Amino acid sequence: MAKTDVSAADGGRSWPDRMTAWQIDTYAPFQDSATLNDKAESPASLGPKEVLVRVRASSVNPIDVLMAEGYGQVLLSRVRQAKKKSFFRTVEFPLTLGRDFAGEVVAKGAEVGSEQVNIGDAVLGVVAPYQHGCHAQFVTVPITQVAKKPDHMSYEEAACLLYTGLTTWCALTSAGGLNASNAADKNVLVIGGSGGVGNSAIQILKSWGAKVTTTCSTNAINLVKGLGPDNIIDYTTADSQKQLEQYGKYDLILDAAGIPYGDIGGAYTPLLKPWSWAKFVTLRSPVLHNTDSYGMVFGMLKNAFDLVAPNVCSGALFKGSTIRWGFFMPAEHGIEELARLATEKKITVPVDSVYGFADMKEAFGKVKAGHLRGKVVVKFDEK
């Protein structure tokens, strides 16, 4: 394959017209709807600030499982339409899923400098939910959504880092208000330290100098201990609530376990530092569900209600604290920081299992079943 820089303007291309990809043509459980298409259309062209990557490994995230069944289709379709500056709803099928990946740069746009990436560089990257995904032989993404792969990481390890890592980073920074410059000595509770977001949160927070308390089940204590939190609470024990109170009050509580809204006010908002603008950040946002259920206009009105109501009913607002939603965003600064932390070996992502590309349905089934101790990875084996 020729190593030629290309752009959308010059019309050239140095990759095949067809590729192998897992695609769906309807919204249904992935095992029922997905097909392995060895004649899928490969990306037709590159924008001046885009790169084309040959995928060596990709990971399966819970959002992939949900999106296969139609989750988020209303809002994500509108975002795709806006990105294309079209008055008409975009055609979403055939749809390729997959959010994060690792591979090699095959081509790059005319405005991608050599100081960023070169042809042949090993990179890790992330694909936003409104973009076609990376469970394919090739994927095209903006240069801001890739970073060079740390030398010590395998493609399988690198393919696990960014989607979960960025979801965590955005929750801590955009929603939680913490970063490397202000987190030192902050007291933070991470609920659910053994999951993907919990894993990432503990490591990011410790790299920032925060004091971290986390919860997990008995059989995950050894895994979580290796991440370096200051305190670990086994939530299955009878006195777990007393232990939470013992290590509080907290500047930030990050819910990486999906605590029901009804339990936040009684058990958790009293643990926040009063009158210090402490925050409870949950990743259990109803935004996509509400727009799916009620449409764009009424869905957004429902979202506003669903954000205000817990803040009032929990009493958080009356003690100078807030309940907020955390979201994934393809933040360039977050990608840069996560790649740096990985290079410095300050963040790792446990791998639960690795599947061959032909076994994508089994990989989705593994993620859907839950109770993982790390990420599920799919390795692309060249014929």
Protein backbone atom coordinates (compact mmCIF):
# COMPACT_ATOMS: atom_id res chain seq x y z
CA MET A 1 0.00 0.00 0.00
CA ALA A 2 1.47 3.35 -1.01
CA LYS A 3 2.41 5.73 1.77
CA THR A 4 0.99 8.88 0.24
CA ASP A 5 -0.42 11.95 1.95
CA VAL A 6 -3.85 12.70 0.54
CA SER A 7 -6.62 15.20 1.03
CA ALA A 8 -10.22 15.41 0.01
CA ALA A 9 -9.25 18.08 -2.51
CA ASP A 10 -6.69 16.15 -4.50
CA GLY A 11 -8.95 13.17 -5.12
CA GLY A 12 -6.16 10.64 -4.63
CA ARG A 13 -6.37 7.58 -2.43
CA SER A 14 -3.91 4.96 -1.32
CA TRP A 15 -6.25 2.36 0.15
CA PRO A 16 -8.74 -0.18 -1.26
CA ASP A 17 -12.26 0.73 -2.37
CA ARG A 18 -13.65 -2.13 -0.27
CA MET A 19 -12.93 -3.35 3.24
CA THR A 20 -14.15 -5.84 5.82
CA ALA A 21 -16.51 -4.45 8.46
CA TRP A 22 -19.16 -5.55 10.93
CA GLN A 23 -22.35 -3.66 10.06
CA ILE A 24 -26.00 -3.52 11.03
CA ASP A 25 -28.92 -2.69 8.73
CA THR A 26 -31.59 -2.40 11.43
CA TYR A 27 -31.82 -1.76 15.13
CA ALA A 28 -31.91 -5.06 16.98
CA PRO A 29 -29.62 -7.07 19.29
CA PHE A 30 -26.21 -7.22 17.64
CA GLN A 31 -26.20 -11.01 17.54
CA ASP A 32 -29.37 -10.92 15.44
CA SER A 33 -28.73 -7.94 13.17
CA ALA A 34 -24.98 -7.77 12.50
CA THR A 35 -23.26 -9.18 9.44
CA LEU A 36 -19.58 -9.44 8.54
CA ASN A 37 -19.36 -7.62 5.23
CA ASP A 38 -16.14 -8.19 3.29
CA LYS A 39 -17.27 -5.79 0.56
CA ALA A 40 -18.14 -2.80 2.69
CA GLU A 41 -17.33 0.61 1.25
CA SER A 42 -14.10 1.95 2.69
CA PRO A 43 -13.81 5.69 3.44
CA ALA A 44 -14.07 7.46 0.11
CA SER A 45 -11.80 10.42 0.86
CA LEU A 46 -9.98 12.30 3.56
CA GLY A 47 -10.54 15.81 4.80
CA PRO A 48 -7.45 18.00 5.18
CA LYS A 49 -7.32 17.42 8.96
CA GLU A 50 -8.22 13.72 8.98
CA VAL A 51 -6.26 10.50 9.14
CA LEU A 52 -7.07 7.04 7.83
CA VAL A 53 -6.07 4.21 10.17
CA ARG A 54 -5.78 0.50 9.49
CA VAL A 55 -7.43 -0.98 12.57
CA ARG A 56 -5.42 -3.63 14.40
CA ALA A 57 -7.65 -3.87 17.46
CA SER A 58 -10.86 -2.29 18.75
CA SER A 59 -12.80 -2.65 21.97
CA VAL A 60 -16.49 -3.28 22.58
CA ASN A 61 -18.15 -0.82 24.95
CA PRO A 62 -21.58 -1.04 26.58
CA ILE A 63 -22.74 1.88 24.43
CA ASP A 64 -22.04 -0.24 21.31
CA VAL A 65 -24.42 -2.90 22.63
CA LEU A 66 -27.08 -0.28 23.32
CA MET A 67 -26.63 1.57 20.02
CA ALA A 68 -27.09 -1.67 18.07
CA GLU A 69 -30.59 -1.79 19.55
CA GLY A 70 -31.38 1.83 18.67
CA TYR A 71 -30.28 3.69 21.78
CA GLY A 72 -29.66 7.37 21.05
CA GLN A 73 -30.80 7.19 17.44
CA VAL A 74 -32.93 10.38 17.55
CA LEU A 75 -30.32 12.75 18.94
CA LEU A 76 -27.33 11.11 17.22
CA SER A 77 -29.11 11.29 13.86
CA ARG A 78 -29.70 15.02 14.38
CA VAL A 79 -26.02 15.53 15.23
CA ARG A 80 -24.99 13.68 12.04
CA GLN A 81 -27.39 15.86 10.08
CA ALA A 82 -25.95 19.02 11.63
CA LYS A 83 -22.39 17.89 10.91
CA LYS A 84 -23.29 17.47 7.25
CA LYS A 85 -25.14 20.82 7.26
CA SER A 86 -28.13 19.12 5.70
CA PHE A 87 -31.83 19.90 5.96
CA PHE A 88 -32.59 16.20 5.58
CA ARG A 89 -32.10 13.39 8.06
CA THR A 90 -29.03 11.35 7.17
CA VAL A 91 -29.20 7.71 6.11
CA GLU A 92 -27.61 5.83 9.01
CA PHE A 93 -27.52 2.29 7.59
CA PRO A 94 -25.42 0.32 7.03
CA LEU A 95 -24.02 1.37 10.41
CA THR A 96 -20.60 0.36 11.70
CA LEU A 97 -20.24 0.42 15.48
CA GLY A 98 -17.10 0.66 17.61
CA ARG A 99 -15.80 3.58 19.63
CA ASP A 100 -12.08 3.11 20.34
CA PHE A 101 -9.27 1.47 18.42
CA ALA A 102 -5.56 1.14 17.79
CA GLY A 103 -3.78 0.69 14.48
CA GLU A 104 -1.46 2.19 11.90
CA VAL A 105 -1.79 5.42 9.92
CA VAL A 106 -2.32 4.59 6.25
CA ALA A 107 -3.01 8.08 4.90
CA LYS A 108 -3.39 11.60 6.20
CA GLY A 109 -4.90 14.86 5.05
CA ALA A 110 -2.87 17.69 3.57
CA GLU A 111 -3.01 19.79 6.76
CA VAL A 112 -1.82 17.03 9.11
CA GLY A 113 1.77 17.88 9.94
CA SER A 114 4.66 15.50 10.35
CA GLU A 115 4.99 16.60 13.97
CA GLN A 116 1.52 15.15 14.58
CA VAL A 117 1.68 11.77 12.82
CA ASN A 118 3.38 10.17 9.84
CA ILE A 119 2.38 7.34 7.55
CA GLY A 120 3.06 4.05 9.33
CA ASP A 121 2.84 5.47 12.86
CA ALA A 122 1.12 3.31 15.44
CA VAL A 123 -1.74 5.24 17.01
CA LEU A 124 -4.67 4.86 19.36
CA GLY A 125 -7.89 6.69 18.69
CA VAL A 126 -11.53 7.23 19.51
CA VAL A 127 -14.70 7.62 17.44
CA ALA A 128 -17.58 9.78 18.67
CA PRO A 129 -21.01 8.05 18.85
CA TYR A 130 -22.34 10.16 15.96
CA GLN A 131 -19.53 8.95 13.69
CA HIS A 132 -19.35 5.61 11.88
CA GLY A 133 -17.31 3.29 14.04
CA CYS A 134 -14.12 1.29 14.04
CA HIS A 135 -15.23 -2.34 13.99
CA ALA A 136 -13.80 -2.38 10.49
CA GLN A 137 -10.57 -2.76 8.57
CA PHE A 138 -10.18 1.03 8.19
CA VAL A 139 -11.52 4.05 10.03
CA THR A 140 -11.28 7.79 9.32
CA VAL A 141 -11.15 10.28 12.17
CA PRO A 142 -10.00 13.88 12.73
CA ILE A 143 -6.36 14.17 13.75
CA THR A 144 -7.55 15.54 17.11
CA GLN A 145 -9.05 12.13 17.90
CA VAL A 146 -5.84 10.11 17.69
CA ALA A 147 -2.54 10.03 19.56
CA LYS A 148 0.65 8.04 19.10
CA LYS A 149 0.52 4.65 20.76
CA PRO A 150 2.92 4.28 23.71
CA ASP A 151 5.66 1.84 22.73
CA HIS A 152 5.12 -0.43 25.72
CA MET A 153 1.41 -0.96 24.98
CA SER A 154 0.14 -3.68 22.67
CA TYR A 155 -2.52 -2.79 20.12
CA GLU A 156 -5.03 -4.71 22.26
CA GLU A 157 -4.20 -2.65 25.36
CA ALA A 158 -4.14 0.64 23.46
CA ALA A 159 -7.57 -0.06 21.94
CA CYS A 160 -9.08 0.01 25.45
CA LEU A 161 -7.91 3.42 26.62
CA LEU A 162 -9.76 6.32 25.09
CA TYR A 163 -13.53 5.88 25.13
CA THR A 164 -13.77 4.92 28.78
CA GLY A 165 -10.84 7.17 29.65
CA LEU A 166 -12.37 10.21 27.95
CA THR A 167 -15.78 9.55 29.47
CA THR A 168 -14.05 9.61 32.86
CA TRP A 169 -11.85 12.61 32.07
CA CYS A 170 -14.82 14.68 30.87
CA ALA A 171 -16.87 13.71 33.93
CA LEU A 172 -14.05 14.79 36.25
CA THR A 173 -13.16 18.00 34.41
CA SER A 174 -16.24 19.37 32.64
CA ALA A 175 -18.83 18.19 35.16
CA GLY A 176 -16.68 17.79 38.27
CA GLY A 177 -14.49 20.86 37.87
CA LEU A 178 -11.25 19.05 38.74
CA ASN A 179 -8.02 18.94 36.77
CA ALA A 180 -4.29 18.47 37.24
CA SER A 181 -3.85 22.00 38.59
CA ASN A 182 -6.56 22.05 41.27
CA ALA A 183 -7.19 18.44 42.36
CA ALA A 184 -4.29 18.07 44.80
CA ASP A 185 -5.57 17.16 48.28
CA LYS A 186 -9.20 17.14 47.12
CA ASN A 187 -11.22 14.37 48.76
CA VAL A 188 -12.98 12.27 46.11
CA LEU A 189 -15.27 9.23 46.32
CA VAL A 190 -15.43 6.93 43.29
CA ILE A 191 -18.45 4.63 43.48
CA GLY A 192 -17.71 1.41 41.58
CA GLY A 193 -13.92 1.32 41.37
CA SER A 194 -13.71 -2.06 39.62
CA GLY A 195 -15.47 -1.02 36.39
CA GLY A 196 -13.90 0.69 33.40
CA VAL A 197 -14.78 4.25 34.43
CA GLY A 198 -13.92 3.54 38.06
CA ASN A 199 -10.53 2.12 37.06
CA SER A 200 -9.72 5.18 34.97
CA ALA A 201 -11.03 7.64 37.56
CA ILE A 202 -8.85 6.28 40.36
CA GLN A 203 -5.71 6.43 38.24
CA ILE A 204 -6.40 9.89 36.78
CA LEU A 205 -7.25 11.33 40.19
CA LYS A 206 -4.15 9.86 41.83
CA SER A 207 -1.97 11.29 39.04
CA TRP A 208 -3.49 14.69 39.95
CA GLY A 209 -2.69 14.23 43.64
CA ALA A 210 -6.25 13.76 44.91
CA LYS A 211 -7.19 11.65 47.92
CA VAL A 212 -9.37 8.82 46.59
CA THR A 213 -11.82 6.54 48.37
CA THR A 214 -13.57 3.91 46.27
CA THR A 215 -16.11 1.13 46.61
CA CYS A 216 -16.14 -2.34 45.09
CA SER A 217 -17.25 -5.90 45.83
CA THR A 218 -15.20 -8.38 47.83
CA ASN A 219 -13.87 -10.26 44.81
CA ALA A 220 -12.60 -7.07 43.15
CA ILE A 221 -10.56 -5.71 46.06
CA ASN A 222 -7.23 -7.07 44.81
CA LEU A 223 -7.80 -5.60 41.34
CA VAL A 224 -8.74 -2.20 42.73
CA LYS A 225 -5.89 -2.19 45.26
CA GLY A 226 -3.40 -2.27 42.39
CA LEU A 227 -4.77 1.06 41.13
CA GLY A 228 -3.56 2.88 44.22
CA PRO A 229 -6.62 4.38 45.95
CA ASP A 230 -6.20 5.66 49.51
CA ASN A 231 -9.21 3.77 50.86
CA ILE A 232 -11.23 0.80 49.58
CA ILE A 233 -14.70 0.06 50.94
CA ASP A 234 -16.36 -3.31 50.34
CA TYR A 235 -19.94 -2.24 49.67
CA THR A 236 -21.24 -5.72 50.57
CA THR A 237 -20.29 -5.29 54.25
CA ALA A 238 -22.86 -4.22 56.82
CA ASP A 239 -20.96 -1.09 57.88
CA SER A 240 -20.11 0.21 54.39
CA GLN A 241 -22.20 3.36 54.88
CA LYS A 242 -20.39 4.15 58.12
CA GLN A 243 -17.07 3.73 56.33
CA LEU A 244 -18.20 6.15 53.61
CA GLU A 245 -19.03 8.68 56.33
CA GLN A 246 -15.71 8.03 58.06
CA TYR A 247 -13.68 9.06 55.00
CA GLY A 248 -15.95 11.98 54.03
CA LYS A 249 -16.88 14.79 53.54
CA TYR A 250 -16.12 14.75 49.82
CA ASP A 251 -15.36 17.50 47.33
CA LEU A 252 -16.56 15.24 44.52
CA ILE A 253 -18.45 11.98 44.30
CA LEU A 254 -18.21 10.22 40.93
CA ASP A 255 -20.86 7.56 40.38
CA ALA A 256 -19.35 4.95 38.08
CA ALA A 257 -21.85 2.28 39.16
CA GLY A 258 -25.18 3.75 38.05
CA ILE A 259 -26.76 4.52 41.43
CA PRO A 260 -30.57 4.97 41.11
CA TYR A 261 -31.60 8.60 41.43
CA GLY A 262 -33.77 7.76 44.42
CA ASP A 263 -30.75 6.60 46.41
CA ILE A 264 -28.56 9.64 45.73
CA GLY A 265 -30.25 12.02 48.14
CA GLY A 266 -30.53 9.66 51.09
CA ALA A 267 -27.13 7.98 50.99
CA TYR A 268 -24.72 10.18 49.05
CA THR A 269 -25.46 13.91 48.90
CA PRO A 270 -25.15 14.16 52.72
CA LEU A 271 -21.53 13.00 52.22
CA LEU A 272 -20.66 16.08 50.14
CA LYS A 273 -18.87 19.01 51.77
CA PRO A 274 -21.56 21.59 52.53
CA TRP A 275 -21.39 25.08 51.03
CA SER A 276 -18.26 24.34 48.99
CA TRP A 277 -19.88 23.71 45.60
CA ALA A 278 -19.16 20.01 46.00
CA LYS A 279 -20.52 17.86 43.19
CA PHE A 280 -22.13 14.47 42.70
CA VAL A 281 -21.45 13.45 39.09
CA THR A 282 -23.33 10.56 37.56
CA LEU A 283 -22.83 8.97 34.15
CA ARG A 284 -26.42 7.75 34.24
CA SER A 285 -27.68 10.57 32.08
CA PRO A 286 -31.20 10.22 30.61
CA VAL A 287 -30.51 12.55 27.66
CA LEU A 288 -30.42 9.96 24.86
CA HIS A 289 -33.21 7.87 26.39
CA ASN A 290 -35.48 10.91 26.72
CA THR A 291 -34.96 12.07 23.13
CA ASP A 292 -35.59 8.51 21.92
CA SER A 293 -38.81 8.33 23.96
CA TYR A 294 -40.22 11.83 23.55
CA GLY A 295 -38.54 13.30 20.48
CA MET A 296 -36.17 16.25 20.35
CA VAL A 297 -38.34 19.05 21.75
CA PHE A 298 -40.21 17.24 24.51
CA GLY A 299 -37.16 15.10 25.20
CA MET A 300 -35.07 18.17 25.93
CA LEU A 301 -37.80 19.55 28.20
CA LYS A 302 -37.83 16.22 30.03
CA ASN A 303 -34.04 16.41 30.34
CA ALA A 304 -34.29 19.83 31.99
CA PHE A 305 -36.81 18.50 34.49
CA ASP A 306 -34.75 15.38 35.17
CA LEU A 307 -31.71 17.50 35.99
CA VAL A 308 -33.47 20.02 38.23
CA ALA A 309 -35.67 17.57 40.15
CA PRO A 310 -32.89 15.46 41.77
CA ASN A 311 -31.01 18.61 42.78
CA VAL A 312 -34.09 19.94 44.56
CA CYS A 313 -35.50 16.68 45.96
CA SER A 314 -32.14 15.47 47.27
CA GLY A 315 -31.58 18.72 49.12
CA ALA A 316 -28.22 19.18 47.42
CA LEU A 317 -28.93 22.75 46.27
CA PHE A 318 -29.91 23.78 49.77
CA LYS A 319 -26.46 22.78 51.05
CA GLY A 320 -24.44 24.48 48.33
CA SER A 321 -23.77 21.34 46.25
CA THR A 322 -25.07 20.01 42.95
CA ILE A 323 -25.89 16.80 41.10
CA ARG A 324 -24.51 16.80 37.56
CA TRP A 325 -24.32 14.55 34.50
CA GLY A 326 -21.06 13.41 32.98
CA PHE A 327 -20.74 12.78 29.23
CA PHE A 328 -18.24 11.47 26.75
CA MET A 329 -16.78 14.16 24.50
CA PRO A 330 -13.93 13.73 21.98
CA ALA A 331 -11.89 16.34 23.85
CA GLU A 332 -8.46 16.92 22.30
CA HIS A 333 -6.85 17.93 25.61
CA GLY A 334 -8.25 14.82 27.26
CA ILE A 335 -6.81 12.58 24.56
CA GLU A 336 -3.43 14.27 24.93
CA GLU A 337 -3.43 13.86 28.71
CA LEU A 338 -4.55 10.23 28.63
CA ALA A 339 -1.89 9.37 26.05
CA ARG A 340 0.74 11.08 28.20
CA LEU A 341 -0.38 9.23 31.33
CA ALA A 342 -0.28 5.95 29.41
CA THR A 343 3.22 6.72 28.11
CA GLU A 344 4.33 7.48 31.67
CA LYS A 345 2.70 4.22 32.83
CA LYS A 346 0.42 6.13 35.18
CA ILE A 347 -2.74 4.65 33.69
CA THR A 348 -3.47 1.14 32.47
CA VAL A 349 -6.68 -0.52 31.36
CA PRO A 350 -7.26 -4.14 32.38
CA VAL A 351 -8.17 -6.46 29.50
CA ASP A 352 -10.87 -8.98 30.35
CA SER A 353 -10.73 -10.99 27.12
CA VAL A 354 -9.59 -10.85 23.49
CA TYR A 355 -11.63 -12.16 20.54
CA GLY A 356 -10.83 -12.61 16.88
CA PHE A 357 -12.50 -10.23 14.43
CA ALA A 358 -14.72 -13.04 13.14
CA ASP A 359 -16.00 -13.56 16.70
CA MET A 360 -17.42 -10.04 17.12
CA LYS A 361 -20.87 -11.37 18.07
CA GLU A 362 -19.37 -13.35 20.93
CA ALA A 363 -17.53 -10.23 22.09
CA PHE A 364 -20.79 -8.24 22.12
CA GLY A 365 -22.45 -11.05 24.05
CA LYS A 366 -19.69 -10.93 26.66
CA VAL A 367 -20.16 -7.19 27.17
CA LYS A 368 -23.94 -7.48 27.29
CA ALA A 369 -23.69 -10.16 29.99
CA GLY A 370 -21.74 -7.71 32.19
CA HIS A 371 -19.69 -8.46 35.33
CA LEU A 372 -16.43 -7.80 33.50
CA ARG A 373 -13.03 -7.28 35.06
CA GLY A 374 -11.63 -5.13 32.28
CA LYS A 375 -12.32 -4.36 28.64
CA VAL A 376 -13.37 -6.76 25.88
CA VAL A 377 -11.10 -6.43 22.84
CA VAL A 378 -11.44 -7.59 19.25
CA LYS A 379 -8.24 -8.23 17.31
CA PHE A 380 -8.26 -7.71 13.56
CA ASP A 381 -6.38 -10.60 11.98
CA GLU A 382 -5.17 -9.89 8.46
CA LYS A 383 -5.71 -12.68 5.97
